[in-house]
Amino acid sequence: MQYQTWVEEGKYGVIRKALQYIARRIENPPQLYFTFDPRISGVQMDKNLRLKYTEEMTILLHDQFWNLRIKEDLFSVELAFDEEQHLIVVPFKALRSFIDPDAKFALQFYPPQDEGIKNGEAAQEKNSRVIVLDRFRKNSSESSD
């Protein structure tokens, strides 16, 4: 059974609904914070932003965002950084946390173990081999004189 995978997929559904809610441009929109890992495959963002936020980035969606698009497995949005608009594409699998402070609501995300990180860290871990050292140890009945 893949309970953890199912739970994560359910949380992605909550994120989709929250994004759809603020996409309607309601009055007094909530402040929604999204923290994600920019190294995850599928994340798209400006090269300079990627250099600045190498392992984690938090974005705020409140009232200063444009062109919010929500798909089954990702969302994209334009945000202003240093007075320039930049498109950011965030696959849901890259999310690490979601916070709505006004509602006192938060979600923590746990990515699948096999999710690829662009810089090769995951590939290195995947290719590493575990060596059992028990056969190289002296038997406890042997003495070490």
C-alpha atoms as a PDB file:
ATOM      1  CA  MET A   1       0.000   0.000   0.000  1.00  0.00           C
ATOM      2  CA  GLN A   2       1.228   3.474  -0.834  1.00  0.00           C
ATOM      3  CA  TYR A   3      -0.450   5.455   1.924  1.00  0.00           C
ATOM      4  CA  GLN A   4       2.139   8.233   1.991  1.00  0.00           C
ATOM      5  CA  THR A   5       1.804   8.757  -1.768  1.00  0.00           C
ATOM      6  CA  TRP A   6      -1.980   8.926  -1.447  1.00  0.00           C
ATOM      7  CA  VAL A   7      -1.734  11.434   1.399  1.00  0.00           C
ATOM      8  CA  GLU A   8       0.623  13.649  -0.629  1.00  0.00           C
ATOM      9  CA  GLU A   9      -1.742  13.514  -3.618  1.00  0.00           C
ATOM     10  CA  GLY A  10      -4.600  14.574  -1.334  1.00  0.00           C
ATOM     11  CA  LYS A  11      -2.573  17.544  -0.118  1.00  0.00           C
ATOM     12  CA  TYR A  12      -1.892  18.541  -3.732  1.00  0.00           C
ATOM     13  CA  GLY A  13      -5.682  18.656  -4.174  1.00  0.00           C
ATOM     14  CA  VAL A  14      -5.910  21.145  -1.298  1.00  0.00           C
ATOM     15  CA  ILE A  15      -3.252  23.289  -2.990  1.00  0.00           C
ATOM     16  CA  ARG A  16      -5.141  23.220  -6.303  1.00  0.00           C
ATOM     17  CA  LYS A  17      -8.331  24.379  -4.551  1.00  0.00           C
ATOM     18  CA  ALA A  18      -6.497  27.180  -2.690  1.00  0.00           C
ATOM     19  CA  LEU A  19      -4.920  28.364  -5.944  1.00  0.00           C
ATOM     20  CA  GLN A  20      -8.262  28.249  -7.758  1.00  0.00           C
ATOM     21  CA  TYR A  21      -9.772  30.278  -4.918  1.00  0.00           C
ATOM     22  CA  ILE A  22      -7.249  33.113  -5.167  1.00  0.00           C
ATOM     23  CA  ALA A  23      -7.247  32.975  -8.985  1.00  0.00           C
ATOM     24  CA  ARG A  24     -10.799  34.345  -8.894  1.00  0.00           C
ATOM     25  CA  ARG A  25      -9.343  37.673  -7.684  1.00  0.00           C
ATOM     26  CA  ILE A  26     -11.596  37.959  -4.674  1.00  0.00           C
ATOM     27  CA  GLU A  27     -11.536  41.025  -2.431  1.00  0.00           C
ATOM     28  CA  ASN A  28      -9.104  40.788   0.466  1.00  0.00           C
ATOM     29  CA  PRO A  29      -7.327  37.678  -0.835  1.00  0.00           C
ATOM     30  CA  PRO A  30      -5.514  35.550   1.720  1.00  0.00           C
ATOM     31  CA  GLN A  31      -1.727  35.546   1.946  1.00  0.00           C
ATOM     32  CA  LEU A  32      -0.557  32.153   0.732  1.00  0.00           C
ATOM     33  CA  TYR A  33       3.061  31.112   1.198  1.00  0.00           C
ATOM     34  CA  PHE A  34       4.539  28.320  -0.914  1.00  0.00           C
ATOM     35  CA  THR A  35       7.988  26.915  -0.188  1.00  0.00           C
ATOM     36  CA  PHE A  36       9.508  24.686  -2.847  1.00  0.00           C
ATOM     37  CA  ASP A  37      12.772  23.053  -3.862  1.00  0.00           C
ATOM     38  CA  PRO A  38      14.047  24.702  -7.074  1.00  0.00           C
ATOM     39  CA  ARG A  39      16.307  21.702  -7.792  1.00  0.00           C
ATOM     40  CA  ILE A  40      13.375  19.412  -8.526  1.00  0.00           C
ATOM     41  CA  SER A  41      12.868  18.498 -12.161  1.00  0.00           C
ATOM     42  CA  GLY A  42      10.196  20.647 -13.804  1.00  0.00           C
ATOM     43  CA  VAL A  43      10.768  23.805 -11.757  1.00  0.00           C
ATOM     44  CA  GLN A  44      11.246  26.743 -14.109  1.00  0.00           C
ATOM     45  CA  MET A  45      12.530  30.098 -12.974  1.00  0.00           C
ATOM     46  CA  ASP A  46      14.895  32.865 -13.957  1.00  0.00           C
ATOM     47  CA  LYS A  47      18.577  31.909 -13.864  1.00  0.00           C
ATOM     48  CA  ASN A  48      19.409  34.704 -11.396  1.00  0.00           C
ATOM     49  CA  LEU A  49      16.648  33.609  -9.039  1.00  0.00           C
ATOM     50  CA  ARG A  50      17.922  30.039  -9.240  1.00  0.00           C
ATOM     51  CA  LEU A  51      21.410  31.231  -8.250  1.00  0.00           C
ATOM     52  CA  LYS A  52      19.990  33.153  -5.311  1.00  0.00           C
ATOM     53  CA  TYR A  53      17.640  30.401  -4.126  1.00  0.00           C
ATOM     54  CA  THR A  54      19.664  27.249  -4.629  1.00  0.00           C
ATOM     55  CA  GLU A  55      17.917  24.825  -2.278  1.00  0.00           C
ATOM     56  CA  GLU A  56      14.671  26.439  -1.235  1.00  0.00           C
ATOM     57  CA  MET A  57      12.468  29.333  -2.247  1.00  0.00           C
ATOM     58  CA  THR A  58       9.342  30.760  -0.628  1.00  0.00           C
ATOM     59  CA  ILE A  59       6.901  32.792  -2.671  1.00  0.00           C
ATOM     60  CA  LEU A  60       3.901  34.786  -1.485  1.00  0.00           C
ATOM     61  CA  LEU A  61       0.695  34.930  -3.472  1.00  0.00           C
ATOM     62  CA  HIS A  62      -1.461  37.751  -2.185  1.00  0.00           C
ATOM     63  CA  ASP A  63      -2.366  40.632  -4.444  1.00  0.00           C
ATOM     64  CA  GLN A  64       0.800  41.197  -6.501  1.00  0.00           C
ATOM     65  CA  PHE A  65       0.844  38.280  -8.933  1.00  0.00           C
ATOM     66  CA  TRP A  66      -0.134  37.776 -12.553  1.00  0.00           C
ATOM     67  CA  ASN A  67      -1.104  35.007 -14.962  1.00  0.00           C
ATOM     68  CA  LEU A  68      -1.734  32.306 -12.388  1.00  0.00           C
ATOM     69  CA  ARG A  69      -2.254  28.986 -14.169  1.00  0.00           C
ATOM     70  CA  ILE A  70      -3.202  25.801 -12.351  1.00  0.00           C
ATOM     71  CA  LYS A  71      -2.794  22.362 -13.877  1.00  0.00           C
ATOM     72  CA  GLU A  72      -3.162  18.862 -12.496  1.00  0.00           C
ATOM     73  CA  ASP A  73       0.477  18.531 -11.459  1.00  0.00           C
ATOM     74  CA  LEU A  74       1.840  22.111 -11.315  1.00  0.00           C
ATOM     75  CA  PHE A  75       1.104  25.789 -11.142  1.00  0.00           C
ATOM     76  CA  SER A  76       2.738  28.749 -12.833  1.00  0.00           C
ATOM     77  CA  VAL A  77       2.639  32.379 -11.847  1.00  0.00           C
ATOM     78  CA  GLU A  78       4.362  35.644 -12.639  1.00  0.00           C
ATOM     79  CA  LEU A  79       5.822  37.527  -9.675  1.00  0.00           C
ATOM     80  CA  ALA A  80       7.802  40.748  -9.399  1.00  0.00           C
ATOM     81  CA  PHE A  81      11.419  40.569  -8.228  1.00  0.00           C
ATOM     82  CA  ASP A  82      13.400  43.814  -8.235  1.00  0.00           C
ATOM     83  CA  GLU A  83      10.599  45.473 -10.191  1.00  0.00           C
ATOM     84  CA  GLU A  84      10.747  42.868 -12.982  1.00  0.00           C
ATOM     85  CA  GLN A  85       8.111  40.221 -13.622  1.00  0.00           C
ATOM     86  CA  HIS A  86       9.364  36.646 -13.740  1.00  0.00           C
ATOM     87  CA  LEU A  87       7.519  33.458 -14.594  1.00  0.00           C
ATOM     88  CA  ILE A  88       7.879  30.674 -12.043  1.00  0.00           C
ATOM     89  CA  VAL A  89       6.640  27.140 -12.722  1.00  0.00           C
ATOM     90  CA  VAL A  90       6.282  24.914  -9.661  1.00  0.00           C
ATOM     91  CA  PRO A  91       5.389  21.241  -9.974  1.00  0.00           C
ATOM     92  CA  PHE A  92       3.428  20.146  -6.915  1.00  0.00           C
ATOM     93  CA  LYS A  93       6.080  17.474  -6.288  1.00  0.00           C
ATOM     94  CA  ALA A  94       8.582  20.316  -5.618  1.00  0.00           C
ATOM     95  CA  LEU A  95       6.493  21.784  -2.775  1.00  0.00           C
ATOM     96  CA  ARG A  96       7.874  21.552   0.760  1.00  0.00           C
ATOM     97  CA  SER A  97       5.303  23.622   2.640  1.00  0.00           C
ATOM     98  CA  PHE A  98       2.164  25.692   2.258  1.00  0.00           C
ATOM     99  CA  ILE A  99       0.988  28.248   4.814  1.00  0.00           C
ATOM    100  CA  ASP A 100      -2.131  30.382   5.087  1.00  0.00           C
ATOM    101  CA  PRO A 101      -1.390  32.390   8.258  1.00  0.00           C
ATOM    102  CA  ASP A 102      -4.823  34.058   8.372  1.00  0.00           C
ATOM    103  CA  ALA A 103      -6.559  30.673   8.480  1.00  0.00           C
ATOM    104  CA  LYS A 104      -3.846  29.258  10.770  1.00  0.00           C
ATOM    105  CA  PHE A 105      -3.439  26.437   8.273  1.00  0.00           C
ATOM    106  CA  ALA A 106      -0.259  24.766   7.072  1.00  0.00           C
ATOM    107  CA  LEU A 107       0.771  21.695   5.121  1.00  0.00           C
ATOM    108  CA  GLN A 108       4.150  19.989   5.044  1.00  0.00           C
ATOM    109  CA  PHE A 109       5.081  17.942   1.976  1.00  0.00           C
ATOM    110  CA  TYR A 110       7.296  14.891   1.767  1.00  0.00           C
ATOM    111  CA  PRO A 111       8.586  14.264  -1.750  1.00  0.00           C
ATOM    112  CA  PRO A 112       8.893  10.770  -3.190  1.00  0.00           C
ATOM    113  CA  GLN A 113      12.285   9.228  -2.446  1.00  0.00           C
ATOM    114  CA  ASP A 114      13.065   8.679  -6.123  1.00  0.00           C
ATOM    115  CA  GLU A 115      12.283  12.249  -7.224  1.00  0.00           C
ATOM    116  CA  GLY A 116      15.138  13.595  -9.338  1.00  0.00           C
ATOM    117  CA  ILE A 117      17.048  16.648  -8.263  1.00  0.00           C
ATOM    118  CA  LYS A 118      18.561  18.486 -11.206  1.00  0.00           C
ATOM    119  CA  ASN A 119      22.035  18.928  -9.784  1.00  0.00           C
ATOM    120  CA  GLY A 120      22.634  15.186  -9.619  1.00  0.00           C
ATOM    121  CA  GLU A 121      22.483  14.704  -5.849  1.00  0.00           C
ATOM    122  CA  ALA A 122      19.635  12.230  -6.106  1.00  0.00           C
ATOM    123  CA  ALA A 123      21.332  10.351  -8.930  1.00  0.00           C
ATOM    124  CA  GLN A 124      24.467   9.981  -6.838  1.00  0.00           C
ATOM    125  CA  GLU A 125      22.471   8.622  -3.914  1.00  0.00           C
ATOM    126  CA  LYS A 126      20.558   6.268  -6.183  1.00  0.00           C
ATOM    127  CA  ASN A 127      23.755   4.887  -7.682  1.00  0.00           C
ATOM    128  CA  SER A 128      25.529   4.437  -4.362  1.00  0.00           C
ATOM    129  CA  ARG A 129      25.845   0.891  -3.101  1.00  0.00           C
ATOM    130  CA  VAL A 130      25.450  -0.314   0.448  1.00  0.00           C
ATOM    131  CA  ILE A 131      28.173  -2.686   1.512  1.00  0.00           C
ATOM    132  CA  VAL A 132      27.503  -4.912   4.488  1.00  0.00           C
ATOM    133  CA  LEU A 133      30.622  -4.977   6.635  1.00  0.00           C
ATOM    134  CA  ASP A 134      29.626  -7.922   8.816  1.00  0.00           C
ATOM    135  CA  ARG A 135      31.560 -10.430   6.715  1.00  0.00           C
ATOM    136  CA  PHE A 136      34.741  -8.385   7.172  1.00  0.00           C
ATOM    137  CA  ARG A 137      34.442  -8.180  10.944  1.00  0.00           C
ATOM    138  CA  LYS A 138      36.065 -10.688  13.216  1.00  0.00           C
ATOM    139  CA  ASN A 139      33.703 -13.198  14.690  1.00  0.00           C
ATOM    140  CA  SER A 140      32.913 -12.278  18.301  1.00  0.00           C
ATOM    141  CA  SER A 141      34.120 -15.729  19.348  1.00  0.00           C
ATOM    142  CA  GLU A 142      37.560 -14.982  17.908  1.00  0.00           C
ATOM    143  CA  SER A 143      39.964 -13.306  20.248  1.00  0.00           C
ATOM    144  CA  SER A 144      42.054 -10.349  19.259  1.00  0.00           C
ATOM    145  CA  ASP A 145      45.324 -11.131  21.052  1.00  0.00           C
END
